[in-house]
């Protein structure tokens, strides 16, 4: 666990990327990097999992999208798009809102779509854990099966989040979010 934590620390990721610079234009390398992630997403994320996520969304009484930090653009985009199509989606920013007041009204008819990337925020993990105790369905959008949020998820959608620098990139997860809204 410590090794995984060290690998995901921003300063360690930046150091590693600076030690192995890529040749060529940064703009072109950035595009190539994300295209590679999207191709990997197509190869490694079974459509059956996406269909299962769509079924959970369609059958949910309420949909709560939650995220923090680099996952926030995904949560915002997903909650806005799902609310425009179904009228029952809401964004809860796990580390700034008082989600405790929200979770007490949730039940097995509700769905949380939680986006979480390294360095995993404790409040989002606490939020999904509390919701799981109330039998809320959880769909996790995260970077690996070793993510702490996976333990509470009914369905996990893996999206690579590394970048050419030190930050987490939401690009792959945004593609998944766009698909879920379209479907």
Protein backbone atom coordinates (compact mmCIF):
# COMPACT_ATOMS: atom_id res chain seq x y z
CA UNK A 1 0.00 0.00 0.00
CA UNK A 2 2.83 2.38 0.81
CA UNK A 3 4.45 1.63 -2.56
CA UNK A 4 1.18 2.40 -4.35
CA UNK A 5 0.80 5.57 -2.30
CA UNK A 6 4.33 6.64 -3.20
CA UNK A 7 3.73 5.96 -6.90
CA UNK A 8 0.65 8.16 -6.95
CA UNK A 9 2.16 11.07 -5.00
CA UNK A 10 2.19 14.10 -7.33
CA UNK A 11 5.82 14.98 -6.62
CA UNK A 12 6.92 11.40 -7.44
CA UNK A 13 4.90 11.34 -10.66
CA UNK A 14 6.38 14.67 -11.75
CA UNK A 15 9.91 13.49 -10.95
CA UNK A 16 9.40 10.28 -12.93
CA UNK A 17 7.99 12.15 -15.93
CA UNK A 18 10.83 14.68 -15.86
CA UNK A 19 13.41 11.88 -15.73
CA UNK A 20 11.97 10.23 -18.83
CA UNK A 21 11.11 13.10 -21.16
CA UNK A 22 9.32 12.35 -24.37
CA UNK A 23 10.72 13.52 -27.65
CA UNK A 24 8.80 15.79 -29.94
CA UNK A 25 6.13 18.37 -29.49
CA UNK A 26 4.29 18.42 -26.13
CA UNK A 27 0.95 19.16 -27.84
CA UNK A 28 1.28 16.15 -30.13
CA UNK A 29 2.50 13.96 -27.26
CA UNK A 30 -0.45 15.01 -25.12
CA UNK A 31 -2.92 14.11 -27.89
CA UNK A 32 -1.14 10.78 -28.51
CA UNK A 33 -1.16 10.03 -24.77
CA UNK A 34 -4.91 10.52 -24.47
CA UNK A 35 -5.69 8.69 -27.69
CA UNK A 36 -3.73 5.75 -26.30
CA UNK A 37 -5.82 5.87 -23.10
CA UNK A 38 -9.05 5.97 -25.09
CA UNK A 39 -7.98 3.00 -27.23
CA UNK A 40 -7.05 1.13 -24.05
CA UNK A 41 -10.45 2.03 -22.61
CA UNK A 42 -12.21 0.51 -25.62
CA UNK A 43 -10.14 -2.67 -25.33
CA UNK A 44 -10.33 -3.13 -21.56
CA UNK A 45 -13.74 -1.85 -20.50
CA UNK A 46 -16.36 -4.43 -21.51
CA UNK A 47 -19.48 -2.98 -23.07
CA UNK A 48 -21.48 -5.27 -20.76
CA UNK A 49 -20.19 -3.24 -17.81
CA UNK A 50 -21.26 0.00 -19.47
CA UNK A 51 -24.68 -1.52 -20.23
CA UNK A 52 -24.99 -2.57 -16.58
CA UNK A 53 -24.18 1.00 -15.51
CA UNK A 54 -26.83 2.34 -17.90
CA UNK A 55 -29.39 -0.09 -16.42
CA UNK A 56 -28.58 1.14 -12.92
CA UNK A 57 -28.96 4.75 -14.07
CA UNK A 58 -32.27 4.14 -15.85
CA UNK A 59 -33.78 2.26 -12.91
CA UNK A 60 -32.55 4.60 -10.14
CA UNK A 61 -35.00 6.68 -8.12
CA UNK A 62 -32.31 9.32 -7.53
CA UNK A 63 -28.80 9.57 -8.98
CA UNK A 64 -26.09 11.20 -6.93
CA UNK A 65 -22.80 11.94 -8.68
CA UNK A 66 -19.93 12.54 -6.32
CA UNK A 67 -16.31 13.39 -6.89
CA UNK A 68 -13.47 15.50 -5.61
CA UNK A 69 -10.41 17.23 -7.03
CA UNK A 70 -9.44 15.88 -10.47
CA UNK A 71 -12.62 13.80 -10.68
CA UNK A 72 -14.80 16.87 -10.19
CA UNK A 73 -15.14 17.75 -13.90
CA UNK A 74 -16.44 14.20 -14.50
CA UNK A 75 -18.99 14.45 -11.67
CA UNK A 76 -20.16 17.87 -12.81
CA UNK A 77 -20.52 16.84 -16.44
CA UNK A 78 -22.21 13.55 -15.58
CA UNK A 79 -24.68 15.01 -13.08
CA UNK A 80 -25.61 17.86 -15.43
CA UNK A 81 -26.07 15.57 -18.43
CA UNK A 82 -28.02 12.91 -16.53
CA UNK A 83 -30.23 15.52 -14.88
CA UNK A 84 -31.04 17.07 -18.25
CA UNK A 85 -32.20 13.70 -19.58
CA UNK A 86 -33.83 12.17 -16.50
CA UNK A 87 -34.44 15.01 -14.06
CA UNK A 88 -33.28 13.00 -11.05
CA UNK A 89 -29.51 13.56 -10.85
CA UNK A 90 -27.62 15.72 -8.39
CA UNK A 91 -23.95 16.55 -7.77
CA UNK A 92 -22.61 16.13 -4.25
CA UNK A 93 -19.02 17.26 -3.81
CA UNK A 94 -17.90 14.82 -1.16
CA UNK A 95 -15.18 16.89 0.46
CA UNK A 96 -17.03 20.21 0.71
CA UNK A 97 -20.71 19.35 1.15
CA UNK A 98 -22.39 17.93 4.19
CA UNK A 99 -23.31 14.65 2.52
CA UNK A 100 -24.29 13.18 5.89
CA UNK A 101 -27.61 15.02 5.63
CA UNK A 102 -28.14 13.61 2.14
CA UNK A 103 -27.21 9.99 2.86
CA UNK A 104 -29.83 9.52 5.60
CA UNK A 105 -32.61 9.78 3.01
CA UNK A 106 -31.00 7.39 0.52
CA UNK A 107 -32.10 3.78 0.03
CA UNK A 108 -31.75 0.77 -2.29
CA UNK A 109 -33.61 2.61 -5.05
CA UNK A 110 -30.87 5.22 -5.28
CA UNK A 111 -27.56 5.23 -7.13
CA UNK A 112 -24.27 6.94 -6.43
CA UNK A 113 -21.78 7.34 -9.26
CA UNK A 114 -18.49 8.10 -7.54
CA UNK A 115 -15.42 9.29 -9.43
CA UNK A 116 -12.18 8.88 -7.50
CA UNK A 117 -8.57 9.14 -8.62
CA UNK A 118 -5.27 9.13 -6.69
CA UNK A 119 -4.69 10.49 -4.07
CA UNK A 120 -7.99 9.12 -2.96
CA UNK A 121 -9.96 11.45 -0.71
CA UNK A 122 -11.10 10.00 2.59
CA UNK A 123 -14.44 11.86 2.55
CA UNK A 124 -15.57 10.28 -0.73
CA UNK A 125 -14.67 6.83 0.63
CA UNK A 126 -16.60 7.58 3.84
CA UNK A 127 -19.56 8.81 1.77
CA UNK A 128 -19.87 5.67 -0.36
CA UNK A 129 -19.28 3.47 2.68
CA UNK A 130 -22.15 5.17 4.54
CA UNK A 131 -24.38 4.91 1.47
CA UNK A 132 -23.53 1.23 1.03
CA UNK A 133 -24.74 0.60 4.59
CA UNK A 134 -28.11 1.96 3.41
CA UNK A 135 -28.07 -0.48 0.42
CA UNK A 136 -27.51 2.30 -2.12
CA UNK A 137 -26.15 1.05 -5.45
CA UNK A 138 -22.61 2.31 -6.16
CA UNK A 139 -20.94 2.71 -9.54
CA UNK A 140 -17.26 3.61 -9.21
CA UNK A 141 -15.32 5.40 -11.91
CA UNK A 142 -11.70 5.07 -10.87
CA UNK A 143 -8.21 4.35 -12.12
CA UNK A 144 -7.59 0.80 -10.84
CA UNK A 145 -9.06 -2.13 -8.98
CA UNK A 146 -6.76 -1.27 -6.07
CA UNK A 147 -8.62 2.01 -5.55
CA UNK A 148 -10.19 2.04 -2.06
CA UNK A 149 -13.60 2.94 -3.47
CA UNK A 150 -13.81 -0.41 -5.32
CA UNK A 151 -14.52 -2.23 -2.05
CA UNK A 152 -17.94 -0.54 -1.85
CA UNK A 153 -18.83 -0.56 -5.55
CA UNK A 154 -21.44 -2.77 -7.15
CA UNK A 155 -19.90 -1.95 -10.51
CA UNK A 156 -16.46 -0.54 -11.31
CA UNK A 157 -15.51 1.29 -14.49
CA UNK A 158 -11.73 1.55 -14.81
CA UNK A 159 -10.40 4.67 -16.57
CA UNK A 160 -6.70 5.50 -16.71
CA UNK A 161 -5.97 8.87 -15.18
CA UNK A 162 -2.25 9.51 -15.58
CA UNK A 163 -0.95 12.48 -17.51
CA UNK A 164 2.35 13.54 -19.03
CA UNK A 165 2.95 15.71 -15.96
CA UNK A 166 2.02 15.03 -12.33
CA UNK A 167 -1.74 15.57 -12.26
CA UNK A 168 -4.61 13.16 -12.78
CA UNK A 169 -6.35 13.56 -16.10
CA UNK A 170 -10.14 13.13 -16.35
CA UNK A 171 -10.10 12.59 -20.14
CA UNK A 172 -10.79 8.82 -20.20
CA UNK A 173 -13.43 9.16 -17.49
CA UNK A 174 -15.07 11.99 -19.44
CA UNK A 175 -15.42 9.66 -22.43
CA UNK A 176 -17.19 7.14 -20.18
CA UNK A 177 -19.39 9.89 -18.70
CA UNK A 178 -20.31 11.07 -22.20
CA UNK A 179 -21.24 7.52 -23.19
CA UNK A 180 -23.44 7.11 -20.10
CA UNK A 181 -25.26 10.37 -20.88
CA UNK A 182 -25.70 9.40 -24.54
CA UNK A 183 -26.99 5.93 -23.67
